[in-house]
Amino acid sequence: MPSITIFHNPACGTSRNTLALVRHAGIEPTIVEYLKTPPSRERLKGLIAAIGLPPRAILREKGTPYADLRLGDSHWTDEQLIDFMLAHPILINRPIVETPLGTALCRPSEAVLELLPVAQLPVFTKEDGEQVIDSGRRRG
């Protein structure tokens, strides 16, 4: 079975749907509830590098201290933004999924499909009733 890790927040519907899609593929991932067990600086930097986006693109605004900390100001360096994410893990957007095919911030949840090292999946129904149809396209 391929090794898959999801940085998950069970209170987040997108994160729950992403986890359910991975399980729909017949894979039980390693689940990291990052609010309880935040990644180390090295791990977070590695995830951000693997995603291929700058730290600012990984910041979550809604329901976080983003505005209070004035993180929208452009003067913050990447290292400072990472410092904020480490101090306030709720600022790390979710879910982040790591598979043998790559790493991505899976928003929307169906973005995880291109990372799953499996054949095309049958239709999946999200919590809200929306159906997800897998095109079968994968990275790599």
C-alpha atoms as a PDB file:
ATOM      1  CA  MET A   1       0.000   0.000   0.000  1.00  0.00           C
ATOM      2  CA  PRO A   2       1.374   3.431  -0.916  1.00  0.00           C
ATOM      3  CA  SER A   3       2.377   5.764   1.888  1.00  0.00           C
ATOM      4  CA  ILE A   4       0.042   8.734   2.095  1.00  0.00           C
ATOM      5  CA  THR A   5      -0.031  11.403   4.793  1.00  0.00           C
ATOM      6  CA  ILE A   6      -2.790  13.936   5.317  1.00  0.00           C
ATOM      7  CA  PHE A   7      -2.368  17.014   7.483  1.00  0.00           C
ATOM      8  CA  HIS A   8      -5.933  17.065   8.702  1.00  0.00           C
ATOM      9  CA  ASN A   9      -8.348  19.146  10.731  1.00  0.00           C
ATOM     10  CA  PRO A  10     -11.424  17.031  11.572  1.00  0.00           C
ATOM     11  CA  ALA A  11     -13.468  20.224  12.100  1.00  0.00           C
ATOM     12  CA  CYS A  12     -12.978  21.191   8.429  1.00  0.00           C
ATOM     13  CA  GLY A  13     -15.406  19.821   5.831  1.00  0.00           C
ATOM     14  CA  THR A  14     -12.850  20.060   3.013  1.00  0.00           C
ATOM     15  CA  SER A  15     -10.366  18.118   5.118  1.00  0.00           C
ATOM     16  CA  ARG A  16     -12.985  15.463   6.000  1.00  0.00           C
ATOM     17  CA  ASN A  17     -13.980  15.095   2.334  1.00  0.00           C
ATOM     18  CA  THR A  18     -10.333  14.784   1.289  1.00  0.00           C
ATOM     19  CA  LEU A  19      -9.738  12.069   3.875  1.00  0.00           C
ATOM     20  CA  ALA A  20     -12.888  10.285   2.731  1.00  0.00           C
ATOM     21  CA  LEU A  21     -11.696  10.418  -0.903  1.00  0.00           C
ATOM     22  CA  VAL A  22      -8.360   8.841   0.065  1.00  0.00           C
ATOM     23  CA  ARG A  23     -10.234   6.099   1.918  1.00  0.00           C
ATOM     24  CA  HIS A  24     -12.600   5.752  -1.065  1.00  0.00           C
ATOM     25  CA  ALA A  25      -9.470   4.795  -3.009  1.00  0.00           C
ATOM     26  CA  GLY A  26      -8.902   1.934  -0.541  1.00  0.00           C
ATOM     27  CA  ILE A  27      -5.989   3.638   1.200  1.00  0.00           C
ATOM     28  CA  GLU A  28      -5.732   4.284   4.923  1.00  0.00           C
ATOM     29  CA  PRO A  29      -3.428   7.280   5.215  1.00  0.00           C
ATOM     30  CA  THR A  30      -1.303   8.457   8.084  1.00  0.00           C
ATOM     31  CA  ILE A  31      -3.394  11.201   9.648  1.00  0.00           C
ATOM     32  CA  VAL A  32      -1.624  14.116  11.281  1.00  0.00           C
ATOM     33  CA  GLU A  33      -4.011  16.326  13.227  1.00  0.00           C
ATOM     34  CA  TYR A  34      -1.687  19.267  12.813  1.00  0.00           C
ATOM     35  CA  LEU A  35      -3.497  21.435  15.364  1.00  0.00           C
ATOM     36  CA  LYS A  36      -2.651  18.831  18.028  1.00  0.00           C
ATOM     37  CA  THR A  37       0.721  17.829  16.566  1.00  0.00           C
ATOM     38  CA  PRO A  38       2.125  20.699  14.505  1.00  0.00           C
ATOM     39  CA  PRO A  39       4.929  19.944  12.052  1.00  0.00           C
ATOM     40  CA  SER A  40       8.465  20.973  12.886  1.00  0.00           C
ATOM     41  CA  ARG A  41       9.984  23.939  11.065  1.00  0.00           C
ATOM     42  CA  GLU A  42      11.924  21.574   8.783  1.00  0.00           C
ATOM     43  CA  ARG A  43       8.826  19.490   8.037  1.00  0.00           C
ATOM     44  CA  LEU A  44       6.678  22.550   7.314  1.00  0.00           C
ATOM     45  CA  LYS A  45       9.345  24.050   5.046  1.00  0.00           C
ATOM     46  CA  GLY A  46       9.641  20.707   3.251  1.00  0.00           C
ATOM     47  CA  LEU A  47       5.878  20.524   2.698  1.00  0.00           C
ATOM     48  CA  ILE A  48       5.768  24.092   1.390  1.00  0.00           C
ATOM     49  CA  ALA A  49       8.677  23.387  -0.971  1.00  0.00           C
ATOM     50  CA  ALA A  50       7.044  20.159  -2.195  1.00  0.00           C
ATOM     51  CA  ILE A  51       3.777  21.984  -2.865  1.00  0.00           C
ATOM     52  CA  GLY A  52       5.737  24.538  -4.889  1.00  0.00           C
ATOM     53  CA  LEU A  53       3.990  27.602  -3.509  1.00  0.00           C
ATOM     54  CA  PRO A  54       5.341  30.406  -1.338  1.00  0.00           C
ATOM     55  CA  PRO A  55       4.466  30.285   2.387  1.00  0.00           C
ATOM     56  CA  ARG A  56       1.984  33.141   1.925  1.00  0.00           C
ATOM     57  CA  ALA A  57      -0.098  30.900  -0.367  1.00  0.00           C
ATOM     58  CA  ILE A  58      -0.387  28.297   2.402  1.00  0.00           C
ATOM     59  CA  LEU A  59      -1.735  30.761   4.988  1.00  0.00           C
ATOM     60  CA  ARG A  60      -5.327  30.360   6.074  1.00  0.00           C
ATOM     61  CA  GLU A  61      -7.208  33.596   6.731  1.00  0.00           C
ATOM     62  CA  LYS A  62     -10.704  32.528   7.792  1.00  0.00           C
ATOM     63  CA  GLY A  63     -11.110  31.644  11.460  1.00  0.00           C
ATOM     64  CA  THR A  64      -7.494  32.463  12.317  1.00  0.00           C
ATOM     65  CA  PRO A  65      -5.495  35.352  13.819  1.00  0.00           C
ATOM     66  CA  TYR A  66      -4.421  36.336  10.265  1.00  0.00           C
ATOM     67  CA  ALA A  67      -6.044  39.789  10.389  1.00  0.00           C
ATOM     68  CA  ASP A  68      -5.053  40.493  14.005  1.00  0.00           C
ATOM     69  CA  LEU A  69      -1.426  39.666  13.162  1.00  0.00           C
ATOM     70  CA  ARG A  70      -1.640  41.794   9.995  1.00  0.00           C
ATOM     71  CA  LEU A  71      -0.292  38.965   7.899  1.00  0.00           C
ATOM     72  CA  GLY A  72      -1.690  40.561   4.769  1.00  0.00           C
ATOM     73  CA  ASP A  73       1.068  43.165   5.015  1.00  0.00           C
ATOM     74  CA  SER A  74       3.678  42.513   2.341  1.00  0.00           C
ATOM     75  CA  HIS A  75       6.692  43.247   4.571  1.00  0.00           C
ATOM     76  CA  TRP A  76       6.671  39.786   6.213  1.00  0.00           C
ATOM     77  CA  THR A  77       9.423  37.484   4.931  1.00  0.00           C
ATOM     78  CA  ASP A  78       8.809  33.825   4.140  1.00  0.00           C
ATOM     79  CA  GLU A  79      10.699  32.855   7.314  1.00  0.00           C
ATOM     80  CA  GLN A  80       8.547  35.180   9.409  1.00  0.00           C
ATOM     81  CA  LEU A  81       5.362  33.739   7.902  1.00  0.00           C
ATOM     82  CA  ILE A  82       6.610  30.249   8.744  1.00  0.00           C
ATOM     83  CA  ASP A  83       7.301  31.473  12.299  1.00  0.00           C
ATOM     84  CA  PHE A  84       3.672  32.598  12.542  1.00  0.00           C
ATOM     85  CA  MET A  85       2.408  29.240  11.224  1.00  0.00           C
ATOM     86  CA  LEU A  86       4.509  27.411  13.806  1.00  0.00           C
ATOM     87  CA  ALA A  87       3.267  29.675  16.609  1.00  0.00           C
ATOM     88  CA  HIS A  88      -0.356  29.447  15.386  1.00  0.00           C
ATOM     89  CA  PRO A  89      -0.858  26.150  13.498  1.00  0.00           C
ATOM     90  CA  ILE A  90      -4.426  27.189  12.641  1.00  0.00           C
ATOM     91  CA  LEU A  91      -2.761  29.491  10.078  1.00  0.00           C
ATOM     92  CA  ILE A  92      -1.631  26.448   8.065  1.00  0.00           C
ATOM     93  CA  ASN A  93      -4.220  25.903   5.376  1.00  0.00           C
ATOM     94  CA  ARG A  94      -5.570  22.382   5.059  1.00  0.00           C
ATOM     95  CA  PRO A  95      -5.645  19.692   4.064  1.00  0.00           C
ATOM     96  CA  ILE A  96      -2.137  19.082   2.832  1.00  0.00           C
ATOM     97  CA  VAL A  97      -1.687  15.615   1.342  1.00  0.00           C
ATOM     98  CA  GLU A  98       1.608  13.898   0.616  1.00  0.00           C
ATOM     99  CA  THR A  99       1.724  10.834  -1.664  1.00  0.00           C
ATOM    100  CA  PRO A 100       4.293   9.094  -3.882  1.00  0.00           C
ATOM    101  CA  LEU A 101       2.907  11.204  -6.765  1.00  0.00           C
ATOM    102  CA  GLY A 102       3.396  14.549  -5.037  1.00  0.00           C
ATOM    103  CA  THR A 103       2.252  16.935  -2.350  1.00  0.00           C
ATOM    104  CA  ALA A 104      -0.581  19.452  -2.568  1.00  0.00           C
ATOM    105  CA  LEU A 105      -2.883  21.699  -0.645  1.00  0.00           C
ATOM    106  CA  CYS A 106      -6.110  19.898  -1.519  1.00  0.00           C
ATOM    107  CA  ARG A 107      -8.615  22.704  -1.823  1.00  0.00           C
ATOM    108  CA  PRO A 108     -11.043  21.727  -3.231  1.00  0.00           C
ATOM    109  CA  SER A 109     -10.998  18.213  -1.826  1.00  0.00           C
ATOM    110  CA  GLU A 110     -11.099  16.575  -5.268  1.00  0.00           C
ATOM    111  CA  ALA A 111      -7.611  17.995  -5.922  1.00  0.00           C
ATOM    112  CA  VAL A 112      -6.395  14.922  -4.034  1.00  0.00           C
ATOM    113  CA  LEU A 113      -7.446  12.677  -6.935  1.00  0.00           C
ATOM    114  CA  GLU A 114      -4.410  13.563  -9.071  1.00  0.00           C
ATOM    115  CA  LEU A 115      -2.173  12.473  -6.159  1.00  0.00           C
ATOM    116  CA  LEU A 116      -3.701   9.037  -5.622  1.00  0.00           C
ATOM    117  CA  PRO A 117      -1.598   6.179  -7.020  1.00  0.00           C
ATOM    118  CA  VAL A 118      -4.650   4.122  -7.991  1.00  0.00           C
ATOM    119  CA  ALA A 119      -6.821   3.545 -11.036  1.00  0.00           C
ATOM    120  CA  GLN A 120      -9.832   5.725 -11.793  1.00  0.00           C
ATOM    121  CA  LEU A 121     -12.269   5.688  -8.885  1.00  0.00           C
ATOM    122  CA  PRO A 122     -16.033   5.307  -8.955  1.00  0.00           C
ATOM    123  CA  VAL A 123     -18.180   8.364  -8.253  1.00  0.00           C
ATOM    124  CA  PHE A 124     -17.752   9.780  -4.748  1.00  0.00           C
ATOM    125  CA  THR A 125     -20.344  11.832  -2.876  1.00  0.00           C
ATOM    126  CA  LYS A 126     -19.153  14.622  -0.588  1.00  0.00           C
ATOM    127  CA  GLU A 127     -20.764  15.400   2.761  1.00  0.00           C
ATOM    128  CA  ASP A 128     -22.913  18.106   1.141  1.00  0.00           C
ATOM    129  CA  GLY A 129     -24.193  15.713  -1.528  1.00  0.00           C
ATOM    130  CA  GLU A 130     -22.004  17.021  -4.348  1.00  0.00           C
ATOM    131  CA  GLN A 131     -20.730  14.208  -6.559  1.00  0.00           C
ATOM    132  CA  VAL A 132     -17.080  13.974  -7.549  1.00  0.00           C
ATOM    133  CA  ILE A 133     -16.265  12.220 -10.815  1.00  0.00           C
ATOM    134  CA  ASP A 134     -12.667  11.045 -11.116  1.00  0.00           C
ATOM    135  CA  SER A 135     -11.157  11.761 -14.540  1.00  0.00           C
ATOM    136  CA  GLY A 136      -8.457   9.190 -13.915  1.00  0.00           C
ATOM    137  CA  ARG A 137      -5.683  11.754 -14.549  1.00  0.00           C
ATOM    138  CA  ARG A 138      -2.768  11.432 -12.159  1.00  0.00           C
ATOM    139  CA  ARG A 139       0.507  13.272 -11.643  1.00  0.00           C
ATOM    140  CA  GLY A 140       3.609  11.690 -12.935  1.00  0.00           C
END
